[in-house]
Amino acid sequence: MVPRRPDGLLYADWLAFGRRCKRLVGHYRRGLAELRYRMAHPSPLVSYTQWRPLVRWHWPAGLVEVALQVIRLESGGRPWAQNPSSGAGGLFQLCPPPAGWADPDFNVRYAYQVKYRSQGWGAWVVMW
C-alpha cells in the first residue's frame, strides 16, 4: 500500500513538487533582483515619471502621484541632484542626506519609511 497524505496526495508527488519549487527559488530571486535593478536604473533620459515603478514599489498606491510631484519639484528626477545651500540630496532632496542618498532605490524607500511616516508631507511643506 502506497502512503497517502490526508488530502489524498501521494507523498512521492508531494516531495517531487517540493523539489521542483526549490529549484525555481533561485530563478525567481534573480528575476526579482533584475526587476528592482531596472526600476532603480531606468533609461538615461532624466524625467520624474521614469521613477513611477520604483515609487509604486515602496509607496502606498494612494500616495504615488503626490510622491512623483514631490520628485518633480525637488530634483526634477535627477537622483544625483544636491542642493548646495542646504546639502539636501537625491530624488526627494533628503536633508540631511543619509549615507546612500544618491541611490534611487534607497532614496525612495528612505523618503517613505523615515521621512513620510514620521513627518508626513511636512518634510516637503515648503513647496505647497
Protein backbone atom coordinates (compact mmCIF):
# COMPACT_ATOMS: atom_id res chain seq x y z
CA MET A 1 0.00 0.00 0.00
CA VAL A 2 1.32 3.44 -1.01
CA PRO A 3 1.21 6.01 1.81
CA ARG A 4 -1.04 9.00 1.16
CA ARG A 5 -1.35 12.36 2.79
CA PRO A 6 -4.66 13.17 4.46
CA ASP A 7 -5.67 15.29 1.44
CA GLY A 8 -5.15 12.32 -0.91
CA LEU A 9 -1.82 13.32 -2.46
CA LEU A 10 0.90 10.72 -2.65
CA TYR A 11 3.96 11.53 -0.55
CA ALA A 12 6.17 10.95 -3.58
CA ASP A 13 4.17 13.50 -5.60
CA TRP A 14 4.34 15.98 -2.77
CA LEU A 15 8.11 15.56 -2.44
CA ALA A 16 8.59 15.91 -6.21
CA PHE A 17 6.56 19.12 -6.16
CA GLY A 18 8.67 20.46 -3.29
CA ARG A 19 11.88 19.69 -5.17
CA ARG A 20 10.63 21.47 -8.29
CA CYS A 21 9.71 24.52 -6.22
CA LYS A 22 13.11 24.51 -4.52
CA ARG A 23 14.85 24.51 -7.92
CA LEU A 24 12.79 27.53 -9.03
CA VAL A 25 13.61 29.70 -6.00
CA GLY A 26 16.89 30.93 -7.50
CA HIS A 27 15.18 31.75 -10.78
CA TYR A 28 12.54 33.88 -9.06
CA ARG A 29 15.10 35.61 -6.83
CA ARG A 30 17.22 36.53 -9.86
CA GLY A 31 14.13 37.81 -11.66
CA LEU A 32 13.15 39.94 -8.68
CA ALA A 33 16.67 41.33 -8.37
CA GLU A 34 16.70 42.21 -12.08
CA LEU A 35 13.32 43.92 -11.79
CA ARG A 36 14.46 46.02 -8.82
CA TYR A 37 17.68 46.94 -10.64
CA ARG A 38 15.74 48.07 -13.72
CA MET A 39 13.39 50.14 -11.56
CA ALA A 40 16.32 51.83 -9.81
CA HIS A 41 18.28 52.31 -13.06
CA PRO A 42 15.81 53.35 -15.77
CA SER A 43 16.76 54.96 -19.06
CA PRO A 44 19.46 57.64 -19.15
CA LEU A 45 16.83 60.21 -20.07
CA VAL A 46 16.02 62.18 -16.93
CA SER A 47 12.35 62.67 -16.15
CA TYR A 48 10.48 62.36 -12.90
CA THR A 49 7.93 59.97 -14.47
CA GLN A 50 10.58 57.32 -15.07
CA TRP A 51 10.65 56.73 -11.31
CA ARG A 52 6.97 55.69 -11.17
CA PRO A 53 7.67 51.91 -10.91
CA LEU A 54 10.16 52.45 -8.10
CA VAL A 55 7.82 54.78 -6.22
CA ARG A 56 4.98 52.27 -6.66
CA TRP A 57 7.26 49.59 -5.20
CA HIS A 58 7.92 51.48 -1.96
CA TRP A 59 4.97 53.87 -1.50
CA PRO A 60 1.26 53.07 -0.97
CA ALA A 61 -0.84 53.32 -4.13
CA GLY A 62 -2.76 56.39 -2.95
CA LEU A 63 0.43 58.41 -2.44
CA VAL A 64 2.28 57.58 -5.66
CA GLU A 65 1.14 60.58 -7.72
CA VAL A 66 1.86 63.09 -4.96
CA ALA A 67 5.26 61.49 -4.35
CA LEU A 68 6.06 61.82 -8.06
CA GLN A 69 5.14 65.51 -7.92
CA VAL A 70 7.49 65.90 -4.95
CA ILE A 71 10.26 64.33 -7.03
CA ARG A 72 9.42 66.66 -9.93
CA LEU A 73 9.60 69.76 -7.76
CA GLU A 74 12.55 68.74 -5.61
CA SER A 75 15.05 67.16 -8.02
CA GLY A 76 13.41 67.09 -11.42
CA GLY A 77 14.01 63.34 -11.49
CA ARG A 78 17.80 63.57 -11.13
CA PRO A 79 18.92 61.06 -8.46
CA TRP A 80 22.30 62.78 -8.05
CA ALA A 81 20.79 66.26 -7.51
CA GLN A 82 22.18 68.06 -4.49
CA ASN A 83 21.26 71.45 -3.06
CA PRO A 84 24.48 73.39 -2.39
CA SER A 85 22.92 75.68 0.22
CA SER A 86 21.11 73.11 2.38
CA GLY A 87 23.06 69.99 1.49
CA ALA A 88 19.87 68.07 0.69
CA GLY A 89 20.31 65.38 -1.90
CA GLY A 90 18.65 62.73 -4.05
CA LEU A 91 15.27 62.40 -5.71
CA PHE A 92 13.37 63.60 -2.64
CA GLN A 93 16.09 66.06 -1.56
CA LEU A 94 16.55 64.42 1.82
CA CYS A 95 18.06 66.72 4.41
CA PRO A 96 20.41 65.84 5.98
CA PRO A 97 21.26 63.36 3.25
CA PRO A 98 21.74 59.88 4.72
CA ALA A 99 24.51 57.60 3.51
CA GLY A 100 23.41 56.21 0.16
CA TRP A 101 21.24 59.21 -0.75
CA ALA A 102 22.25 59.08 -4.45
CA ASP A 103 20.95 55.51 -4.85
CA PRO A 104 17.37 55.93 -6.16
CA ASP A 105 16.12 52.73 -4.51
CA PHE A 106 17.47 53.79 -1.12
CA ASN A 107 16.29 57.39 -1.54
CA VAL A 108 12.70 56.47 -2.40
CA ARG A 109 12.50 53.84 0.36
CA TYR A 110 14.04 56.18 2.96
CA ALA A 111 11.75 59.04 1.92
CA TYR A 112 8.69 56.91 2.65
CA GLN A 113 9.79 54.82 5.63
CA VAL A 114 11.63 57.52 7.56
CA LYS A 115 10.57 60.95 6.37
CA TYR A 116 6.94 60.50 5.32
CA ARG A 117 5.97 58.06 8.06
CA SER A 118 7.41 60.30 10.79
CA GLN A 119 6.63 63.78 9.41
CA GLY A 120 4.02 63.25 6.69
CA TRP A 121 4.23 65.77 3.89
CA GLY A 122 5.66 68.24 6.41
CA ALA A 123 9.15 67.26 5.33
CA TRP A 124 8.38 68.87 1.96
CA VAL A 125 5.91 71.56 3.10
CA VAL A 126 7.95 74.45 1.68
CA MET A 127 6.72 73.72 -1.82
CA TRP A 128 2.97 73.65 -1.09
